[in-house]
């Protein structure tokens, strides 16, 4: 539908036991989920 998904961990309901740990891992899992051609990880470095 040409919508731009903005994905984040659902921090409001996530618990310590079931968290992704960090959104870098979440991004990698999302890239698997959608079979992405490229994953770009941005930070302050």
ModelCIF file with pLDDT and N, C-alpha, C, O atoms, coordinates in Angstrom:
data_MODEL
#
_entry.id   MODEL 
#
_entity.id                         1 
_entity.type                       polymer 
_entity.pdbx_number_of_molecules   1 
#
_entity_poly.entity_id                      1 
_entity_poly.type                           'polypeptide(L)' 
_entity_poly.nstd_linkage                   no 
_entity_poly.nstd_monomer                   no 
_entity_poly.pdbx_seq_one_letter_code       
;(UNK)(UNK)(UNK)(UNK)(UNK)(UNK)(UNK)(UNK)(UNK)(UNK)(UNK)(UNK)(UNK)(UNK)(UNK)(UNK)
(UNK)(UNK)(UNK)(UNK)(UNK)(UNK)(UNK)(UNK)(UNK)(UNK)(UNK)(UNK)(UNK)(UNK)(UNK)(UNK)
(UNK)(UNK)(UNK)(UNK)(UNK)(UNK)(UNK)(UNK)(UNK)(UNK)(UNK)(UNK)(UNK)
;
_entity_poly.pdbx_seq_one_letter_code_can   XXXXXXXXXXXXXXXXXXXXXXXXXXXXXXXXXXXXXXXXXXXXX 
_entity_poly.pdbx_strand_id                 A 
#
loop_
_entity_poly_seq.entity_id 
_entity_poly_seq.num 
_entity_poly_seq.mon_id 
_entity_poly_seq.hetero 
1 1  UNK n 
1 2  UNK n 
1 3  UNK n 
1 4  UNK n 
1 5  UNK n 
1 6  UNK n 
1 7  UNK n 
1 8  UNK n 
1 9  UNK n 
1 10 UNK n 
1 11 UNK n 
1 12 UNK n 
1 13 UNK n 
1 14 UNK n 
1 15 UNK n 
1 16 UNK n 
1 17 UNK n 
1 18 UNK n 
1 19 UNK n 
1 20 UNK n 
1 21 UNK n 
1 22 UNK n 
1 23 UNK n 
1 24 UNK n 
1 25 UNK n 
1 26 UNK n 
1 27 UNK n 
1 28 UNK n 
1 29 UNK n 
1 30 UNK n 
1 31 UNK n 
1 32 UNK n 
1 33 UNK n 
1 34 UNK n 
1 35 UNK n 
1 36 UNK n 
1 37 UNK n 
1 38 UNK n 
1 39 UNK n 
1 40 UNK n 
1 41 UNK n 
1 42 UNK n 
1 43 UNK n 
1 44 UNK n 
1 45 UNK n 
#
_struct_asym.id          A 
_struct_asym.entity_id   1 
#
loop_
_ma_qa_metric.id 
_ma_qa_metric.mode 
_ma_qa_metric.name 
_ma_qa_metric.software_group_id 
_ma_qa_metric.type 
1 global pLDDT . pLDDT 
2 local  pLDDT . pLDDT 
#
_ma_qa_metric_global.metric_id      1 
_ma_qa_metric_global.metric_value   85.80 
_ma_qa_metric_global.model_id       1 
_ma_qa_metric_global.ordinal_id     1 
#
loop_
_ma_qa_metric_local.label_asym_id 
_ma_qa_metric_local.label_comp_id 
_ma_qa_metric_local.label_seq_id 
_ma_qa_metric_local.metric_id 
_ma_qa_metric_local.metric_value 
_ma_qa_metric_local.model_id 
_ma_qa_metric_local.ordinal_id 
A UNK 1  2 98.00 1 1  
A UNK 2  2 98.00 1 2  
A UNK 3  2 98.00 1 3  
A UNK 4  2 98.00 1 4  
A UNK 5  2 98.00 1 5  
A UNK 6  2 98.00 1 6  
A UNK 7  2 96.00 1 7  
A UNK 8  2 92.00 1 8  
A UNK 9  2 87.00 1 9  
A UNK 10 2 84.00 1 10 
A UNK 11 2 72.00 1 11 
A UNK 12 2 74.00 1 12 
A UNK 13 2 73.00 1 13 
A UNK 14 2 64.00 1 14 
A UNK 15 2 59.00 1 15 
A UNK 16 2 56.00 1 16 
A UNK 17 2 44.00 1 17 
A UNK 18 2 40.00 1 18 
A UNK 19 2 55.00 1 19 
A UNK 20 2 62.00 1 20 
A UNK 21 2 60.00 1 21 
A UNK 22 2 76.00 1 22 
A UNK 23 2 88.00 1 23 
A UNK 24 2 93.00 1 24 
A UNK 25 2 92.00 1 25 
A UNK 26 2 93.00 1 26 
A UNK 27 2 95.00 1 27 
A UNK 28 2 96.00 1 28 
A UNK 29 2 95.00 1 29 
A UNK 30 2 96.00 1 30 
A UNK 31 2 97.00 1 31 
A UNK 32 2 95.00 1 32 
A UNK 33 2 95.00 1 33 
A UNK 34 2 96.00 1 34 
A UNK 35 2 96.00 1 35 
A UNK 36 2 97.00 1 36 
A UNK 37 2 97.00 1 37 
A UNK 38 2 98.00 1 38 
A UNK 39 2 98.00 1 39 
A UNK 40 2 98.00 1 40 
A UNK 41 2 97.00 1 41 
A UNK 42 2 96.00 1 42 
A UNK 43 2 90.00 1 43 
A UNK 44 2 89.00 1 44 
A UNK 45 2 92.00 1 45 
#
loop_
_atom_site.group_PDB 
_atom_site.id 
_atom_site.type_symbol 
_atom_site.label_atom_id 
_atom_site.label_alt_id 
_atom_site.label_comp_id 
_atom_site.label_asym_id 
_atom_site.label_entity_id 
_atom_site.label_seq_id 
_atom_site.pdbx_PDB_ins_code 
_atom_site.Cartn_x 
_atom_site.Cartn_y 
_atom_site.Cartn_z 
_atom_site.occupancy 
_atom_site.B_iso_or_equiv 
_atom_site.pdbx_formal_charge 
_atom_site.auth_seq_id 
_atom_site.auth_comp_id 
_atom_site.auth_asym_id 
_atom_site.auth_atom_id 
_atom_site.pdbx_PDB_model_num 
ATOM 1   N N  . UNK A 1 1  ? 0.819  -1.217  0.000  1.00 98.00 ? 1  UNK A N  1 
ATOM 2   C CA . UNK A 1 1  ? 0.000  0.000   0.000  1.00 98.00 ? 1  UNK A CA 1 
ATOM 3   C C  . UNK A 1 1  ? 0.853  1.267   0.000  1.00 98.00 ? 1  UNK A C  1 
ATOM 4   O O  . UNK A 1 1  ? 0.324  2.376   0.077  1.00 98.00 ? 1  UNK A O  1 
ATOM 5   N N  . UNK A 1 2  ? 2.181  1.098   -0.087 1.00 98.00 ? 2  UNK A N  1 
ATOM 6   C CA . UNK A 1 2  ? 3.153  2.202   -0.091 1.00 98.00 ? 2  UNK A CA 1 
ATOM 7   C C  . UNK A 1 2  ? 3.113  3.005   1.220  1.00 98.00 ? 2  UNK A C  1 
ATOM 8   O O  . UNK A 1 2  ? 3.347  4.214   1.232  1.00 98.00 ? 2  UNK A O  1 
ATOM 9   N N  . UNK A 1 3  ? 2.815  2.311   2.306  1.00 98.00 ? 3  UNK A N  1 
ATOM 10  C CA . UNK A 1 3  ? 2.928  2.879   3.649  1.00 98.00 ? 3  UNK A CA 1 
ATOM 11  C C  . UNK A 1 3  ? 4.340  2.596   4.149  1.00 98.00 ? 3  UNK A C  1 
ATOM 12  O O  . UNK A 1 3  ? 4.892  1.532   3.868  1.00 98.00 ? 3  UNK A O  1 
ATOM 13  N N  . UNK A 1 4  ? 4.923  3.522   4.877  1.00 98.00 ? 4  UNK A N  1 
ATOM 14  C CA . UNK A 1 4  ? 6.260  3.339   5.437  1.00 98.00 ? 4  UNK A CA 1 
ATOM 15  C C  . UNK A 1 4  ? 6.127  2.842   6.874  1.00 98.00 ? 4  UNK A C  1 
ATOM 16  O O  . UNK A 1 4  ? 5.806  3.627   7.767  1.00 98.00 ? 4  UNK A O  1 
ATOM 17  N N  . UNK A 1 5  ? 6.368  1.553   7.113  1.00 98.00 ? 5  UNK A N  1 
ATOM 18  C CA . UNK A 1 5  ? 6.254  1.037   8.486  1.00 98.00 ? 5  UNK A CA 1 
ATOM 19  C C  . UNK A 1 5  ? 7.349  1.601   9.392  1.00 98.00 ? 5  UNK A C  1 
ATOM 20  O O  . UNK A 1 5  ? 8.519  1.650   9.013  1.00 98.00 ? 5  UNK A O  1 
ATOM 21  N N  . UNK A 1 6  ? 6.956  2.019   10.575 1.00 98.00 ? 6  UNK A N  1 
ATOM 22  C CA . UNK A 1 6  ? 7.911  2.423   11.613 1.00 98.00 ? 6  UNK A CA 1 
ATOM 23  C C  . UNK A 1 6  ? 7.786  1.401   12.731 1.00 98.00 ? 6  UNK A C  1 
ATOM 24  O O  . UNK A 1 6  ? 6.765  1.332   13.416 1.00 98.00 ? 6  UNK A O  1 
ATOM 25  N N  . UNK A 1 7  ? 8.829  0.615   12.906 1.00 96.00 ? 7  UNK A N  1 
ATOM 26  C CA . UNK A 1 7  ? 8.808  -0.526  13.817 1.00 96.00 ? 7  UNK A CA 1 
ATOM 27  C C  . UNK A 1 7  ? 9.591  -0.197  15.083 1.00 96.00 ? 7  UNK A C  1 
ATOM 28  O O  . UNK A 1 7  ? 10.655 0.420   15.031 1.00 96.00 ? 7  UNK A O  1 
ATOM 29  N N  . UNK A 1 8  ? 9.055  -0.613  16.203 1.00 92.00 ? 8  UNK A N  1 
ATOM 30  C CA . UNK A 1 8  ? 9.768  -0.485  17.471 1.00 92.00 ? 8  UNK A CA 1 
ATOM 31  C C  . UNK A 1 8  ? 9.355  -1.649  18.359 1.00 92.00 ? 8  UNK A C  1 
ATOM 32  O O  . UNK A 1 8  ? 8.319  -2.279  18.145 1.00 92.00 ? 8  UNK A O  1 
ATOM 33  N N  . UNK A 1 9  ? 10.181 -1.919  19.353 1.00 87.00 ? 9  UNK A N  1 
ATOM 34  C CA . UNK A 1 9  ? 9.767  -2.906  20.342 1.00 87.00 ? 9  UNK A CA 1 
ATOM 35  C C  . UNK A 1 9  ? 8.608  -2.330  21.143 1.00 87.00 ? 9  UNK A C  1 
ATOM 36  O O  . UNK A 1 9  ? 8.586  -1.137  21.445 1.00 87.00 ? 9  UNK A O  1 
ATOM 37  N N  . UNK A 1 10 ? 7.658  -3.171  21.482 1.00 84.00 ? 10 UNK A N  1 
ATOM 38  C CA . UNK A 1 10 ? 6.509  -2.729  22.260 1.00 84.00 ? 10 UNK A CA 1 
ATOM 39  C C  . UNK A 1 10 ? 6.917  -2.649  23.736 1.00 84.00 ? 10 UNK A C  1 
ATOM 40  O O  . UNK A 1 10 ? 6.576  -3.517  24.540 1.00 84.00 ? 10 UNK A O  1 
ATOM 41  N N  . UNK A 1 11 ? 7.649  -1.592  24.065 1.00 72.00 ? 11 UNK A N  1 
ATOM 42  C CA . UNK A 1 11 ? 8.212  -1.451  25.403 1.00 72.00 ? 11 UNK A CA 1 
ATOM 43  C C  . UNK A 1 11 ? 7.156  -1.371  26.491 1.00 72.00 ? 11 UNK A C  1 
ATOM 44  O O  . UNK A 1 11 ? 7.432  -1.713  27.641 1.00 72.00 ? 11 UNK A O  1 
ATOM 45  N N  . UNK A 1 12 ? 5.957  -0.928  26.155 1.00 74.00 ? 12 UNK A N  1 
ATOM 46  C CA . UNK A 1 12 ? 4.921  -0.762  27.177 1.00 74.00 ? 12 UNK A CA 1 
ATOM 47  C C  . UNK A 1 12 ? 4.457  -2.098  27.749 1.00 74.00 ? 12 UNK A C  1 
ATOM 48  O O  . UNK A 1 12 ? 4.038  -2.165  28.905 1.00 74.00 ? 12 UNK A O  1 
ATOM 49  N N  . UNK A 1 13 ? 4.530  -3.160  26.951 1.00 73.00 ? 13 UNK A N  1 
ATOM 50  C CA . UNK A 1 13 ? 4.067  -4.455  27.446 1.00 73.00 ? 13 UNK A CA 1 
ATOM 51  C C  . UNK A 1 13 ? 5.185  -5.492  27.544 1.00 73.00 ? 13 UNK A C  1 
ATOM 52  O O  . UNK A 1 13 ? 4.990  -6.547  28.147 1.00 73.00 ? 13 UNK A O  1 
ATOM 53  N N  . UNK A 1 14 ? 6.358  -5.207  26.958 1.00 64.00 ? 14 UNK A N  1 
ATOM 54  C CA . UNK A 1 14 ? 7.458  -6.168  27.003 1.00 64.00 ? 14 UNK A CA 1 
ATOM 55  C C  . UNK A 1 14 ? 7.981  -6.306  28.429 1.00 64.00 ? 14 UNK A C  1 
ATOM 56  O O  . UNK A 1 14 ? 7.955  -5.355  29.210 1.00 64.00 ? 14 UNK A O  1 
ATOM 57  N N  . UNK A 1 15 ? 8.453  -7.497  28.750 1.00 59.00 ? 15 UNK A N  1 
ATOM 58  C CA . UNK A 1 15 ? 9.062  -7.735  30.054 1.00 59.00 ? 15 UNK A CA 1 
ATOM 59  C C  . UNK A 1 15 ? 10.535 -8.025  29.865 1.00 59.00 ? 15 UNK A C  1 
ATOM 60  O O  . UNK A 1 15 ? 10.982 -8.280  28.747 1.00 59.00 ? 15 UNK A O  1 
ATOM 61  N N  . UNK A 1 16 ? 11.299 -7.987  30.958 1.00 56.00 ? 16 UNK A N  1 
ATOM 62  C CA . UNK A 1 16 ? 12.727 -8.263  30.871 1.00 56.00 ? 16 UNK A CA 1 
ATOM 63  C C  . UNK A 1 16 ? 12.987 -9.633  30.245 1.00 56.00 ? 16 UNK A C  1 
ATOM 64  O O  . UNK A 1 16 ? 13.975 -9.822  29.535 1.00 56.00 ? 16 UNK A O  1 
ATOM 65  N N  . UNK A 1 17 ? 12.090 -10.587 30.515 1.00 44.00 ? 17 UNK A N  1 
ATOM 66  C CA . UNK A 1 17 ? 12.314 -11.951 30.070 1.00 44.00 ? 17 UNK A CA 1 
ATOM 67  C C  . UNK A 1 17 ? 12.093 -12.136 28.576 1.00 44.00 ? 17 UNK A C  1 
ATOM 68  O O  . UNK A 1 17 ? 12.663 -13.047 27.977 1.00 44.00 ? 17 UNK A O  1 
ATOM 69  N N  . UNK A 1 18 ? 11.267 -11.278 27.962 1.00 40.00 ? 18 UNK A N  1 
ATOM 70  C CA . UNK A 1 18 ? 10.922 -11.504 26.557 1.00 40.00 ? 18 UNK A CA 1 
ATOM 71  C C  . UNK A 1 18 ? 11.359 -10.349 25.655 1.00 40.00 ? 18 UNK A C  1 
ATOM 72  O O  . UNK A 1 18 ? 10.880 -10.247 24.526 1.00 40.00 ? 18 UNK A O  1 
ATOM 73  N N  . UNK A 1 19 ? 12.241 -9.490  26.118 1.00 55.00 ? 19 UNK A N  1 
ATOM 74  C CA . UNK A 1 19 ? 12.691 -8.361  25.307 1.00 55.00 ? 19 UNK A CA 1 
ATOM 75  C C  . UNK A 1 19 ? 13.673 -8.836  24.237 1.00 55.00 ? 19 UNK A C  1 
ATOM 76  O O  . UNK A 1 19 ? 14.345 -9.855  24.394 1.00 55.00 ? 19 UNK A O  1 
ATOM 77  N N  . UNK A 1 20 ? 13.739 -8.077  23.153 1.00 62.00 ? 20 UNK A N  1 
ATOM 78  C CA . UNK A 1 20 ? 14.725 -8.364  22.111 1.00 62.00 ? 20 UNK A CA 1 
ATOM 79  C C  . UNK A 1 20 ? 16.140 -8.113  22.630 1.00 62.00 ? 20 UNK A C  1 
ATOM 80  O O  . UNK A 1 20 ? 17.096 -8.735  22.168 1.00 62.00 ? 20 UNK A O  1 
ATOM 81  N N  . UNK A 1 21 ? 16.266 -7.204  23.587 1.00 60.00 ? 21 UNK A N  1 
ATOM 82  C CA . UNK A 1 21 ? 17.580 -6.860  24.121 1.00 60.00 ? 21 UNK A CA 1 
ATOM 83  C C  . UNK A 1 21 ? 18.056 -5.539  23.578 1.00 60.00 ? 21 UNK A C  1 
ATOM 84  O O  . UNK A 1 21 ? 18.595 -4.726  24.329 1.00 60.00 ? 21 UNK A O  1 
ATOM 85  N N  . UNK A 1 22 ? 17.875 -5.299  22.299 1.00 76.00 ? 22 UNK A N  1 
ATOM 86  C CA . UNK A 1 22 ? 18.219 -4.025  21.680 1.00 76.00 ? 22 UNK A CA 1 
ATOM 87  C C  . UNK A 1 22 ? 17.566 -4.005  20.304 1.00 76.00 ? 22 UNK A C  1 
ATOM 88  O O  . UNK A 1 22 ? 17.221 -5.053  19.757 1.00 76.00 ? 22 UNK A O  1 
ATOM 89  N N  . UNK A 1 23 ? 17.400 -2.813  19.749 1.00 88.00 ? 23 UNK A N  1 
ATOM 90  C CA . UNK A 1 23 ? 16.712 -2.711  18.475 1.00 88.00 ? 23 UNK A CA 1 
ATOM 91  C C  . UNK A 1 23 ? 17.594 -3.048  17.286 1.00 88.00 ? 23 UNK A C  1 
ATOM 92  O O  . UNK A 1 23 ? 17.089 -3.154  16.168 1.00 88.00 ? 23 UNK A O  1 
ATOM 93  N N  . UNK A 1 24 ? 18.899 -3.220  17.487 1.00 93.00 ? 24 UNK A N  1 
ATOM 94  C CA . UNK A 1 24 ? 19.738 -3.744  16.407 1.00 93.00 ? 24 UNK A CA 1 
ATOM 95  C C  . UNK A 1 24 ? 19.294 -5.168  16.087 1.00 93.00 ? 24 UNK A C  1 
ATOM 96  O O  . UNK A 1 24 ? 19.134 -5.534  14.922 1.00 93.00 ? 24 UNK A O  1 
ATOM 97  N N  . UNK A 1 25 ? 19.099 -5.956  17.122 1.00 92.00 ? 25 UNK A N  1 
ATOM 98  C CA . UNK A 1 25 ? 18.622 -7.332  16.924 1.00 92.00 ? 25 UNK A CA 1 
ATOM 99  C C  . UNK A 1 25 ? 17.218 -7.327  16.316 1.00 92.00 ? 25 UNK A C  1 
ATOM 100 O O  . UNK A 1 25 ? 16.928 -8.110  15.411 1.00 92.00 ? 25 UNK A O  1 
ATOM 101 N N  . UNK A 1 26 ? 16.354 -6.449  16.811 1.00 93.00 ? 26 UNK A N  1 
ATOM 102 C CA . UNK A 1 26 ? 15.014 -6.347  16.244 1.00 93.00 ? 26 UNK A CA 1 
ATOM 103 C C  . UNK A 1 26 ? 15.085 -6.035  14.755 1.00 93.00 ? 26 UNK A C  1 
ATOM 104 O O  . UNK A 1 26 ? 14.353 -6.624  13.959 1.00 93.00 ? 26 UNK A O  1 
ATOM 105 N N  . UNK A 1 27 ? 15.963 -5.113  14.378 1.00 95.00 ? 27 UNK A N  1 
ATOM 106 C CA . UNK A 1 27 ? 16.095 -4.741  12.964 1.00 95.00 ? 27 UNK A CA 1 
ATOM 107 C C  . UNK A 1 27 ? 16.548 -5.926  12.119 1.00 95.00 ? 27 UNK A C  1 
ATOM 108 O O  . UNK A 1 27 ? 16.067 -6.115  11.001 1.00 95.00 ? 27 UNK A O  1 
ATOM 109 N N  . UNK A 1 28 ? 17.475 -6.727  12.653 1.00 96.00 ? 28 UNK A N  1 
ATOM 110 C CA . UNK A 1 28 ? 17.933 -7.910  11.926 1.00 96.00 ? 28 UNK A CA 1 
ATOM 111 C C  . UNK A 1 28 ? 16.792 -8.906  11.746 1.00 96.00 ? 28 UNK A C  1 
ATOM 112 O O  . UNK A 1 28 ? 16.648 -9.504  10.680 1.00 96.00 ? 28 UNK A O  1 
ATOM 113 N N  . UNK A 1 29 ? 15.984 -9.083  12.787 1.00 95.00 ? 29 UNK A N  1 
ATOM 114 C CA . UNK A 1 29 ? 14.854 -10.002 12.699 1.00 95.00 ? 29 UNK A CA 1 
ATOM 115 C C  . UNK A 1 29 ? 13.785 -9.488  11.731 1.00 95.00 ? 29 UNK A C  1 
ATOM 116 O O  . UNK A 1 29 ? 13.155 -10.271 11.020 1.00 95.00 ? 29 UNK A O  1 
ATOM 117 N N  . UNK A 1 30 ? 13.587 -8.177  11.709 1.00 96.00 ? 30 UNK A N  1 
ATOM 118 C CA . UNK A 1 30 ? 12.640 -7.589  10.761 1.00 96.00 ? 30 UNK A CA 1 
ATOM 119 C C  . UNK A 1 30 ? 13.149 -7.780  9.336  1.00 96.00 ? 30 UNK A C  1 
ATOM 120 O O  . UNK A 1 30 ? 12.369 -8.073  8.430  1.00 96.00 ? 30 UNK A O  1 
ATOM 121 N N  . UNK A 1 31 ? 14.461 -7.613  9.136  1.00 97.00 ? 31 UNK A N  1 
ATOM 122 C CA . UNK A 1 31 ? 15.013 -7.806  7.790  1.00 97.00 ? 31 UNK A CA 1 
ATOM 123 C C  . UNK A 1 31 ? 14.810 -9.248  7.330  1.00 97.00 ? 31 UNK A C  1 
ATOM 124 O O  . UNK A 1 31 ? 14.603 -9.495  6.142  1.00 97.00 ? 31 UNK A O  1 
ATOM 125 N N  . UNK A 1 32 ? 14.868 -10.196 8.257  1.00 95.00 ? 32 UNK A N  1 
ATOM 126 C CA . UNK A 1 32 ? 14.553 -11.590 7.932  1.00 95.00 ? 32 UNK A CA 1 
ATOM 127 C C  . UNK A 1 32 ? 13.073 -11.738 7.608  1.00 95.00 ? 32 UNK A C  1 
ATOM 128 O O  . UNK A 1 32 ? 12.699 -12.394 6.636  1.00 95.00 ? 32 UNK A O  1 
ATOM 129 N N  . UNK A 1 33 ? 12.245 -11.122 8.429  1.00 95.00 ? 33 UNK A N  1 
ATOM 130 C CA . UNK A 1 33 ? 10.787 -11.239 8.292  1.00 95.00 ? 33 UNK A CA 1 
ATOM 131 C C  . UNK A 1 33 ? 10.321 -10.786 6.916  1.00 95.00 ? 33 UNK A C  1 
ATOM 132 O O  . UNK A 1 33 ? 9.451  -11.414 6.313  1.00 95.00 ? 33 UNK A O  1 
ATOM 133 N N  . UNK A 1 34 ? 10.901 -9.689  6.416  1.00 96.00 ? 34 UNK A N  1 
ATOM 134 C CA . UNK A 1 34 ? 10.446 -9.118  5.134  1.00 96.00 ? 34 UNK A CA 1 
ATOM 135 C C  . UNK A 1 34 ? 11.387 -9.464  3.983  1.00 96.00 ? 34 UNK A C  1 
ATOM 136 O O  . UNK A 1 34 ? 11.186 -9.008  2.857  1.00 96.00 ? 34 UNK A O  1 
ATOM 137 N N  . UNK A 1 35 ? 12.428 -10.279 4.263  1.00 96.00 ? 35 UNK A N  1 
ATOM 138 C CA . UNK A 1 35 ? 13.418 -10.650 3.255  1.00 96.00 ? 35 UNK A CA 1 
ATOM 139 C C  . UNK A 1 35 ? 13.991 -9.415  2.566  1.00 96.00 ? 35 UNK A C  1 
ATOM 140 O O  . UNK A 1 35 ? 13.925 -9.276  1.344  1.00 96.00 ? 35 UNK A O  1 
ATOM 141 N N  . UNK A 1 36 ? 14.551 -8.529  3.372  1.00 97.00 ? 36 UNK A N  1 
ATOM 142 C CA . UNK A 1 36 ? 15.085 -7.264  2.865  1.00 97.00 ? 36 UNK A CA 1 
ATOM 143 C C  . UNK A 1 36 ? 16.331 -7.480  2.017  1.00 97.00 ? 36 UNK A C  1 
ATOM 144 O O  . UNK A 1 36 ? 17.082 -8.435  2.219  1.00 97.00 ? 36 UNK A O  1 
ATOM 145 N N  . UNK A 1 37 ? 16.534 -6.582  1.070  1.00 97.00 ? 37 UNK A N  1 
ATOM 146 C CA . UNK A 1 37 ? 17.745 -6.587  0.255  1.00 97.00 ? 37 UNK A CA 1 
ATOM 147 C C  . UNK A 1 37 ? 18.919 -5.956  0.990  1.00 97.00 ? 37 UNK A C  1 
ATOM 148 O O  . UNK A 1 37 ? 20.076 -6.212  0.660  1.00 97.00 ? 37 UNK A O  1 
ATOM 149 N N  . UNK A 1 38 ? 18.619 -5.131  1.987  1.00 98.00 ? 38 UNK A N  1 
ATOM 150 C CA . UNK A 1 38 ? 19.663 -4.381  2.687  1.00 98.00 ? 38 UNK A CA 1 
ATOM 151 C C  . UNK A 1 38 ? 19.175 -3.983  4.071  1.00 98.00 ? 38 UNK A C  1 
ATOM 152 O O  . UNK A 1 38 ? 18.010 -3.632  4.260  1.00 98.00 ? 38 UNK A O  1 
ATOM 153 N N  . UNK A 1 39 ? 20.089 -4.044  5.035  1.00 98.00 ? 39 UNK A N  1 
ATOM 154 C CA . UNK A 1 39 ? 19.847 -3.525  6.382  1.00 98.00 ? 39 UNK A CA 1 
ATOM 155 C C  . UNK A 1 39 ? 20.897 -2.464  6.673  1.00 98.00 ? 39 UNK A C  1 
ATOM 156 O O  . UNK A 1 39 ? 22.094 -2.726  6.554  1.00 98.00 ? 39 UNK A O  1 
ATOM 157 N N  . UNK A 1 40 ? 20.461 -1.279  7.049  1.00 98.00 ? 40 UNK A N  1 
ATOM 158 C CA . UNK A 1 40 ? 21.364 -0.188  7.420  1.00 98.00 ? 40 UNK A CA 1 
ATOM 159 C C  . UNK A 1 40 ? 21.184 0.099   8.902  1.00 98.00 ? 40 UNK A C  1 
ATOM 160 O O  . UNK A 1 40 ? 20.093 0.452   9.348  1.00 98.00 ? 40 UNK A O  1 
ATOM 161 N N  . UNK A 1 41 ? 22.265 -0.056  9.664  1.00 97.00 ? 41 UNK A N  1 
ATOM 162 C CA . UNK A 1 41 ? 22.243 0.208   11.105 1.00 97.00 ? 41 UNK A CA 1 
ATOM 163 C C  . UNK A 1 41 ? 22.919 1.546   11.373 1.00 97.00 ? 41 UNK A C  1 
ATOM 164 O O  . UNK A 1 41 ? 24.111 1.714   11.115 1.00 97.00 ? 41 UNK A O  1 
ATOM 165 N N  . UNK A 1 42 ? 22.144 2.497   11.894 1.00 96.00 ? 42 UNK A N  1 
ATOM 166 C CA . UNK A 1 42 ? 22.648 3.849   12.146 1.00 96.00 ? 42 UNK A CA 1 
ATOM 167 C C  . UNK A 1 42 ? 22.873 4.082   13.629 1.00 96.00 ? 42 UNK A C  1 
ATOM 168 O O  . UNK A 1 42 ? 22.142 3.564   14.472 1.00 96.00 ? 42 UNK A O  1 
ATOM 169 N N  . UNK A 1 43 ? 23.898 4.869   13.933 1.00 90.00 ? 43 UNK A N  1 
ATOM 170 C CA . UNK A 1 43 ? 24.170 5.226   15.324 1.00 90.00 ? 43 UNK A CA 1 
ATOM 171 C C  . UNK A 1 43 ? 24.902 6.565   15.341 1.00 90.00 ? 43 UNK A C  1 
ATOM 172 O O  . UNK A 1 43 ? 24.812 7.332   14.383 1.00 90.00 ? 43 UNK A O  1 
ATOM 173 N N  . UNK A 1 44 ? 25.622 6.848   16.422 1.00 89.00 ? 44 UNK A N  1 
ATOM 174 C CA . UNK A 1 44 ? 26.379 8.100   16.501 1.00 89.00 ? 44 UNK A CA 1 
ATOM 175 C C  . UNK A 1 44 ? 27.844 7.908   16.112 1.00 89.00 ? 44 UNK A C  1 
ATOM 176 O O  . UNK A 1 44 ? 28.655 8.813   16.307 1.00 89.00 ? 44 UNK A O  1 
ATOM 177 N N  . UNK A 1 45 ? 28.194 6.740   15.565 1.00 92.00 ? 45 UNK A N  1 
ATOM 178 C CA . UNK A 1 45 ? 29.560 6.452   15.120 1.00 92.00 ? 45 UNK A CA 1 
ATOM 179 C C  . UNK A 1 45 ? 29.521 6.123   13.632 1.00 92.00 ? 45 UNK A C  1 
ATOM 180 O O  . UNK A 1 45 ? 30.560 5.845   13.033 1.00 92.00 ? 45 UNK A O  1 
#
